[in-house]
Protein backbone atom coordinates (compact mmCIF):
# COMPACT_ATOMS: atom_id res chain seq x y z
CA UNK A 1 0.06 0.28 -0.14
CA UNK A 2 2.91 2.54 1.00
CA UNK A 3 4.43 1.42 -2.15
CA UNK A 4 1.03 2.28 -3.99
CA UNK A 5 0.85 5.49 -2.81
CA UNK A 6 4.68 6.27 -2.97
CA UNK A 7 3.90 6.07 -6.70
CA UNK A 8 1.23 7.98 -6.76
CA UNK A 9 3.07 10.95 -5.23
CA UNK A 10 5.76 10.81 -7.95
CA UNK A 11 2.78 11.37 -10.66
CA UNK A 12 1.35 14.13 -9.30
CA UNK A 13 4.90 15.79 -8.97
CA UNK A 14 5.54 15.15 -12.91
CA UNK A 15 5.21 18.44 -14.38
CA UNK A 16 2.81 18.28 -17.47
CA UNK A 17 5.28 20.55 -19.28
CA UNK A 18 7.02 17.58 -20.04
CA UNK A 19 4.37 17.14 -22.38
CA UNK A 20 3.98 19.88 -24.73
CA UNK A 21 6.40 20.49 -27.62
CA UNK A 22 7.14 24.18 -26.27
CA UNK A 23 10.71 24.49 -24.70
CA UNK A 24 10.57 28.08 -24.40
CA UNK A 25 8.70 31.75 -25.81
CA UNK A 26 10.76 34.94 -26.25
CA UNK A 27 11.22 37.53 -28.47
CA UNK A 28 7.40 37.19 -29.46
CA UNK A 29 8.23 33.58 -30.75
CA UNK A 30 8.21 30.29 -29.81
CA UNK A 31 10.55 27.52 -29.77
CA UNK A 32 10.04 24.55 -29.73
CA UNK A 33 11.85 21.32 -28.65
CA UNK A 34 12.65 19.81 -31.74
CA UNK A 35 14.52 23.25 -32.12
CA UNK A 36 12.12 24.85 -35.01
CA UNK A 37 10.33 28.36 -34.33
CA UNK A 38 7.33 29.30 -34.72
CA UNK A 39 5.73 32.93 -35.17
CA UNK A 40 2.43 33.32 -34.69
CA UNK A 41 -0.51 35.66 -36.25
CA UNK A 42 -3.94 36.71 -35.55
CA UNK A 43 -5.95 37.41 -38.57
CA UNK A 44 -9.18 39.08 -38.50
CA UNK A 45 -12.44 37.77 -40.44
CA UNK A 46 -13.86 39.18 -43.67
CA UNK A 47 -17.84 38.75 -44.54
CA UNK A 48 -17.52 37.07 -47.81
CA UNK A 49 -21.01 36.72 -48.41
CA UNK A 50 -21.57 40.35 -48.43
CA UNK A 51 -19.11 41.31 -51.06
CA UNK A 52 -20.06 41.97 -54.48
CA UNK A 53 -19.43 39.35 -57.51
CA UNK A 54 -16.35 41.16 -58.50
CA UNK A 55 -14.97 41.87 -54.72
CA UNK A 56 -15.50 38.05 -54.27
CA UNK A 57 -13.02 36.92 -57.12
CA UNK A 58 -10.39 39.84 -56.10
CA UNK A 59 -10.78 37.85 -53.30
CA UNK A 60 -10.38 34.17 -54.12
CA UNK A 61 -7.26 35.31 -56.67
CA UNK A 62 -5.58 37.37 -54.18
CA UNK A 63 -6.01 33.78 -52.17
CA UNK A 64 -4.66 31.46 -54.70
CA UNK A 65 -1.59 33.90 -55.77
CA UNK A 66 -0.57 34.31 -51.92
CA UNK A 67 -0.75 30.01 -51.44
CA UNK A 68 0.86 29.54 -54.97
CA UNK A 69 3.58 32.08 -53.50
CA UNK A 70 4.78 29.81 -50.31
CA UNK A 71 7.63 27.66 -50.71
CA UNK A 72 7.00 26.37 -46.79
CA UNK A 73 4.21 25.08 -45.29
CA UNK A 74 2.53 26.88 -42.74
CA UNK A 75 -1.14 26.03 -40.54
CA UNK A 76 -4.11 27.67 -40.32
CA UNK A 77 -6.52 27.58 -36.82
CA UNK A 78 -9.32 28.85 -35.94
CA UNK A 79 -10.41 28.80 -32.42
CA UNK A 80 -13.76 28.83 -31.35
CA UNK A 81 -14.27 29.96 -27.37
CA UNK A 82 -17.22 31.13 -25.59
CA UNK A 83 -17.06 34.74 -25.52
CA UNK A 84 -16.63 36.35 -21.89
CA UNK A 85 -18.82 39.27 -21.16
CA UNK A 86 -17.93 39.27 -17.35
CA UNK A 87 -15.56 41.96 -17.69
CA UNK A 88 -17.48 44.02 -20.48
CA UNK A 89 -20.60 43.87 -18.05
CA UNK A 90 -18.35 45.61 -15.50
CA UNK A 91 -17.58 48.39 -17.92
CA UNK A 92 -20.90 49.33 -18.38
CA UNK A 93 -21.64 49.13 -14.98
CA UNK A 94 -19.66 51.19 -14.14
CA UNK A 95 -20.83 53.86 -16.91
CA UNK A 96 -24.27 53.87 -15.02
CA UNK A 97 -22.32 54.51 -11.91
CA UNK A 98 -21.05 57.65 -13.34
CA UNK A 99 -23.38 59.14 -16.05
CA UNK A 100 -25.23 61.62 -14.76
CA UNK A 101 -27.71 61.93 -17.50
CA UNK A 102 -30.83 60.48 -15.99
CA UNK A 103 -32.10 59.50 -19.25
CA UNK A 104 -28.92 57.85 -20.09
CA UNK A 105 -28.34 56.02 -17.28
CA UNK A 106 -31.79 54.82 -17.10
CA UNK A 107 -30.67 53.12 -21.10
CA UNK A 108 -27.37 51.93 -20.29
CA UNK A 109 -29.05 49.93 -17.51
CA UNK A 110 -31.24 48.61 -19.97
CA UNK A 111 -28.70 47.52 -22.47
CA UNK A 112 -26.91 46.00 -19.73
CA UNK A 113 -29.91 43.55 -18.79
CA UNK A 114 -30.94 42.86 -22.47
CA UNK A 115 -27.02 41.64 -22.58
CA UNK A 116 -27.59 39.76 -19.92
CA UNK A 117 -30.11 38.21 -20.88
CA UNK A 118 -29.52 37.55 -24.57
CA UNK A 119 -26.10 35.95 -23.03
CA UNK A 120 -28.49 33.34 -20.71
CA UNK A 121 -30.73 31.75 -23.29
CA UNK A 122 -27.25 30.37 -24.91
CA UNK A 123 -23.50 29.89 -25.51
CA UNK A 124 -22.47 33.19 -27.86
CA UNK A 125 -19.67 31.82 -29.51
CA UNK A 126 -16.32 33.81 -30.88
CA UNK A 127 -14.13 32.74 -33.43
CA UNK A 128 -10.41 34.00 -34.08
CA UNK A 129 -8.32 33.17 -36.40
CA UNK A 130 -5.02 32.30 -36.31
CA UNK A 131 -1.86 31.94 -39.11
CA UNK A 132 1.33 29.56 -37.57
CA UNK A 133 4.72 30.56 -39.67
CA UNK A 134 7.10 28.08 -38.40
CA UNK A 135 11.09 27.94 -39.37
CA UNK A 136 12.52 24.46 -39.41
CA UNK A 137 16.88 25.01 -39.40
CA UNK A 138 17.05 21.27 -40.69
CA UNK A 139 15.37 23.01 -44.24
CA UNK A 140 17.90 25.21 -44.91
CA UNK A 141 20.07 24.44 -47.77
CA UNK A 142 22.27 26.94 -47.42
CA UNK A 143 24.36 24.10 -44.63
CA UNK A 144 26.13 21.72 -44.75
CA UNK A 145 25.15 17.65 -43.95
CA UNK A 146 26.80 17.76 -40.50
CA UNK A 147 25.89 20.98 -39.70
CA UNK A 148 22.76 20.39 -39.80
CA UNK A 149 23.22 16.83 -38.12
CA UNK A 150 25.56 18.85 -35.42
CA UNK A 151 22.72 20.83 -34.34
CA UNK A 152 19.86 18.48 -34.87
CA UNK A 153 21.09 16.18 -31.82
CA UNK A 154 20.51 18.93 -28.74
CA UNK A 155 18.85 21.31 -30.91
CA UNK A 156 16.26 23.11 -27.75
CA UNK A 157 19.83 22.99 -25.88
CA UNK A 158 21.51 24.73 -28.49
CA UNK A 159 18.88 27.74 -29.40
CA UNK A 160 19.51 28.45 -25.40
CA UNK A 161 22.76 28.68 -24.84
CA UNK A 162 23.71 30.17 -27.53
CA UNK A 163 21.88 33.72 -28.31
CA UNK A 164 23.77 34.23 -31.73
CA UNK A 165 22.05 30.96 -33.10
CA UNK A 166 18.80 32.02 -32.17
CA UNK A 167 19.12 35.33 -33.38
CA UNK A 168 20.37 34.27 -37.19
CA UNK A 169 17.00 32.00 -37.07
CA UNK A 170 14.74 34.36 -35.95
CA UNK A 171 15.98 36.55 -38.66
CA UNK A 172 14.96 34.24 -41.36
CA UNK A 173 11.76 33.42 -39.41
CA UNK A 174 10.42 37.13 -39.77
CA UNK A 175 11.40 37.17 -43.19
CA UNK A 176 8.81 34.13 -44.09
CA UNK A 177 6.56 36.40 -41.79
CA UNK A 178 7.02 39.20 -43.60
CA UNK A 179 6.12 38.07 -46.78
CA UNK A 180 3.16 35.65 -44.86
CA UNK A 181 1.92 38.87 -43.44
CA UNK A 182 2.05 41.08 -47.01
CA UNK A 183 -0.16 38.13 -48.34
CA UNK A 184 -2.68 38.54 -46.13
CA UNK A 185 -2.89 41.86 -46.47
CA UNK A 186 -3.69 41.88 -49.77
CA UNK A 187 -6.75 39.95 -49.23
CA UNK A 188 -8.35 42.72 -47.07
CA UNK A 189 -7.81 41.18 -43.85
CA UNK A 190 -5.84 42.42 -40.90
CA UNK A 191 -2.77 41.06 -39.46
CA UNK A 192 -1.14 41.62 -36.41
CA UNK A 193 1.78 39.30 -34.37
CA UNK A 194 1.03 38.06 -31.46
CA UNK A 195 4.17 39.41 -29.10
CA UNK A 196 5.27 37.39 -26.45
CA UNK A 197 2.63 38.23 -24.02
CA UNK A 198 -0.21 37.00 -26.61
CA UNK A 199 1.39 34.41 -27.11
CA UNK A 200 1.93 32.91 -23.32
CA UNK A 201 -1.82 33.85 -23.23
CA UNK A 202 -2.74 32.39 -26.19
CA UNK A 203 -1.50 28.63 -25.60
CA UNK A 204 -2.21 29.23 -21.22
CA UNK A 205 -6.10 29.41 -22.74
CA UNK A 206 -5.73 26.67 -25.06
CA UNK A 207 -3.98 24.12 -22.89
CA UNK A 208 -6.17 25.52 -19.77
CA UNK A 209 -9.70 26.88 -21.00
CA UNK A 210 -11.53 26.52 -17.65
CA UNK A 211 -8.30 27.62 -15.79
CA UNK A 212 -7.64 30.59 -17.69
CA UNK A 213 -11.82 31.80 -17.00
CA UNK A 214 -10.84 32.28 -13.60
CA UNK A 215 -6.92 32.41 -12.72
CA UNK A 216 -5.56 35.65 -15.15
CA UNK A 217 -2.29 35.18 -15.98
CA UNK A 218 0.24 38.65 -14.48
CA UNK A 219 1.36 40.95 -17.15
CA UNK A 220 4.98 39.97 -18.43
CA UNK A 221 6.25 43.48 -17.95
CA UNK A 222 5.16 43.85 -14.19
CA UNK A 223 6.91 40.33 -14.08
CA UNK A 224 10.12 41.86 -15.13
CA UNK A 225 9.25 44.98 -12.99
CA UNK A 226 9.27 43.06 -9.90
CA UNK A 227 12.44 40.83 -11.21
CA UNK A 228 14.49 43.44 -10.60
């Protein structure tokens, strides 16, 4: 029995981080344990159905050209999440308290009740769109075979220890990213690269959907200030 308890305790102390592919997140970049890098771009949506036929054809043409110009693989992710309106409701309630005009105060209160009633009728989902741009140093044909094999032995460790290696890889990733963002913008969508804080929050909410609703992450800049 004691042996079983010991095994159970050992299982609990094992960190779940070892099951993730992520080695670290820094400088707006995700470093995976296999030594490859990732940049993530958030992309806005467009209402394709409301566009005219000419506009639809232009979007399709731009998308085809975007795909044809790619010389590497990328990942398109659509993430559906239940819309969180608690912060919005709290904001409206503060506005209601500060409102001096009685008519506007009543309208704000009615609007709050309308939002609460609307969300109580069913789950309102929001969608977010991401494009993940990779860089794999092993696919860099300009390097020699033995150089590639040497870096492949312990790629994550090399990137952590050699800042100049990471900077070189990141430069190649940034070039790919610029090409992808330019192609996406040609379709009429807005794009924004996720910074380090945004990446951490994205993966935290992805792997901890329930916990993230009640436990918010500390801002990275505040953590850095605290360390100083």
